[in-house]
N, C-alpha and C. Protein backbone atom coordinates (compact mmCIF):
# COMPACT_ATOMS: atom_id res chain seq x y z
N UNK A 1 88.59 89.43 99.70
CA UNK A 1 89.92 89.37 100.01
C UNK A 1 90.06 89.64 101.56
N UNK A 2 90.67 88.89 102.23
CA UNK A 2 90.80 89.05 103.82
C UNK A 2 91.89 90.13 104.04
N UNK A 3 91.89 90.74 105.16
CA UNK A 3 93.07 91.67 105.53
C UNK A 3 94.45 90.78 105.64
N UNK A 4 94.32 89.54 105.98
CA UNK A 4 95.67 88.82 106.10
C UNK A 4 96.21 88.56 104.65
N UNK A 5 95.20 88.18 103.88
CA UNK A 5 95.80 88.03 102.39
C UNK A 5 96.26 89.33 101.83
N UNK A 6 95.55 90.43 102.09
CA UNK A 6 96.09 91.60 101.52
C UNK A 6 97.47 91.89 102.10
N UNK A 7 97.70 91.75 103.48
CA UNK A 7 98.94 91.92 104.00
C UNK A 7 100.09 91.06 103.30
N UNK A 8 99.67 89.88 102.96
CA UNK A 8 100.63 88.95 102.35
C UNK A 8 101.01 89.45 101.00
N UNK A 9 100.03 89.95 100.17
CA UNK A 9 100.11 90.48 98.88
C UNK A 9 101.16 91.57 98.87
N UNK A 10 101.00 92.49 99.91
CA UNK A 10 101.78 93.71 100.09
C UNK A 10 103.26 93.45 100.41
N UNK A 11 103.49 92.31 101.27
CA UNK A 11 104.79 91.93 101.72
C UNK A 11 105.42 91.25 100.51
N UNK A 12 104.69 90.59 99.65
CA UNK A 12 105.34 89.92 98.44
C UNK A 12 105.83 91.05 97.59
N UNK A 13 104.87 92.10 97.32
CA UNK A 13 105.21 93.13 96.52
C UNK A 13 106.59 93.88 97.01
N UNK A 14 106.80 94.00 98.27
CA UNK A 14 107.89 94.75 98.95
C UNK A 14 109.17 93.86 98.56
N UNK A 15 109.05 92.51 98.79
CA UNK A 15 110.15 91.50 98.58
C UNK A 15 110.72 91.81 97.07
N UNK A 16 109.79 92.00 96.20
CA UNK A 16 110.12 91.98 94.75
C UNK A 16 110.25 93.63 94.27
N UNK A 17 110.47 94.37 95.37
CA UNK A 17 110.72 95.77 95.22
C UNK A 17 109.84 96.50 94.20
N UNK A 18 108.49 96.05 94.42
CA UNK A 18 107.44 96.76 93.56
C UNK A 18 107.26 98.20 94.33
N UNK A 19 107.04 99.11 93.56
CA UNK A 19 106.60 100.45 94.05
C UNK A 19 105.30 100.63 94.30
N UNK A 20 104.35 100.00 93.55
CA UNK A 20 102.90 100.10 93.83
C UNK A 20 102.17 98.75 93.63
N UNK A 21 100.97 98.87 94.26
CA UNK A 21 100.08 97.50 93.98
C UNK A 21 98.79 98.22 93.36
N UNK A 22 98.30 97.72 92.46
CA UNK A 22 97.15 98.20 91.62
C UNK A 22 96.15 96.98 91.81
N UNK A 23 94.91 97.45 92.29
CA UNK A 23 93.89 96.59 92.37
C UNK A 23 92.64 97.02 91.59
N UNK A 24 91.97 96.13 90.80
CA UNK A 24 90.67 96.31 90.21
C UNK A 24 89.55 95.57 90.87
N UNK A 25 88.64 96.41 91.27
CA UNK A 25 87.60 95.67 92.13
C UNK A 25 86.20 96.31 91.73
N UNK A 26 85.17 95.68 92.20
CA UNK A 26 83.84 96.15 92.25
C UNK A 26 83.60 97.29 93.14
N UNK A 27 82.75 98.15 92.85
CA UNK A 27 82.42 99.35 93.58
C UNK A 27 82.12 99.13 95.01
N UNK A 28 81.36 97.89 95.20
CA UNK A 28 80.93 97.65 96.69
C UNK A 28 82.04 97.29 97.55
N UNK A 29 83.30 96.98 97.14
CA UNK A 29 84.27 96.72 98.06
C UNK A 29 85.42 97.74 98.10
N UNK A 30 85.20 98.82 97.40
CA UNK A 30 86.21 99.91 97.43
C UNK A 30 86.52 100.29 98.99
N UNK A 31 85.51 100.51 99.78
CA UNK A 31 85.72 100.96 101.11
C UNK A 31 86.65 99.97 101.86
N UNK A 32 86.55 98.76 101.49
CA UNK A 32 87.40 97.82 102.20
C UNK A 32 89.01 98.09 102.09
N UNK A 33 89.20 98.35 100.77
CA UNK A 33 90.52 98.73 100.37
C UNK A 33 91.01 99.98 100.80
N UNK A 34 90.12 100.87 100.88
CA UNK A 34 90.46 102.35 101.30
C UNK A 34 90.64 102.28 102.84
N UNK A 35 90.09 101.39 103.68
CA UNK A 35 90.32 101.18 104.99
C UNK A 35 91.79 100.83 105.20
N UNK A 36 92.46 100.20 104.31
CA UNK A 36 93.79 99.70 104.37
C UNK A 36 94.74 100.50 103.68
N UNK A 37 94.39 101.85 103.38
CA UNK A 37 95.31 102.93 102.80
C UNK A 37 95.30 102.92 101.33
N UNK A 38 94.52 102.10 100.49
CA UNK A 38 94.46 102.18 99.13
C UNK A 38 93.64 103.34 98.61
N UNK A 39 93.93 104.03 97.54
CA UNK A 39 93.27 105.17 97.07
C UNK A 39 92.61 104.76 95.77
N UNK A 40 91.33 105.28 95.75
CA UNK A 40 90.52 105.11 94.68
C UNK A 40 90.82 105.94 93.59
N UNK A 41 91.36 105.48 92.39
CA UNK A 41 91.81 106.23 91.30
C UNK A 41 90.68 106.27 90.21
N UNK A 42 89.59 105.82 90.40
CA UNK A 42 88.46 106.00 89.48
C UNK A 42 88.23 104.69 88.77
N UNK A 43 87.38 104.78 87.71
CA UNK A 43 87.13 103.55 86.91
C UNK A 43 88.29 103.26 86.05
N UNK A 44 88.65 101.90 86.04
CA UNK A 44 89.76 101.41 85.20
C UNK A 44 89.38 101.49 83.71
N UNK A 45 90.41 101.57 82.86
CA UNK A 45 90.14 101.64 81.30
C UNK A 45 89.69 100.23 80.97
N UNK A 46 89.94 99.04 81.68
CA UNK A 46 89.66 97.74 81.28
C UNK A 46 88.36 97.22 81.86
N UNK A 47 87.84 96.28 81.21
CA UNK A 47 86.69 95.55 81.82
C UNK A 47 86.83 94.15 81.81
N UNK A 48 86.56 93.40 82.82
CA UNK A 48 86.74 91.96 82.81
C UNK A 48 85.42 91.40 82.87
N UNK A 49 85.18 90.50 81.82
CA UNK A 49 84.02 89.56 81.68
C UNK A 49 82.80 90.62 81.64
N UNK A 50 82.95 91.80 81.01
CA UNK A 50 81.80 92.80 80.71
C UNK A 50 81.56 93.59 81.89
N UNK A 51 82.45 93.43 83.06
CA UNK A 51 82.15 94.46 84.16
C UNK A 51 82.96 95.48 84.10
N UNK A 52 82.48 96.60 84.34
CA UNK A 52 83.34 97.82 84.38
C UNK A 52 83.76 98.19 85.91
């Protein structure tokens, strides 16, 4: 996901008066999201296509 796409997602969330945005991603891209202020809340309870 690019920074521009992430900014668009956040703007759309604001327009819809969302209080939070929750992302599920692979470990190797966590630092990208942290760079934009997202907080790593640990491993999700769900798994997609067998990936934790």
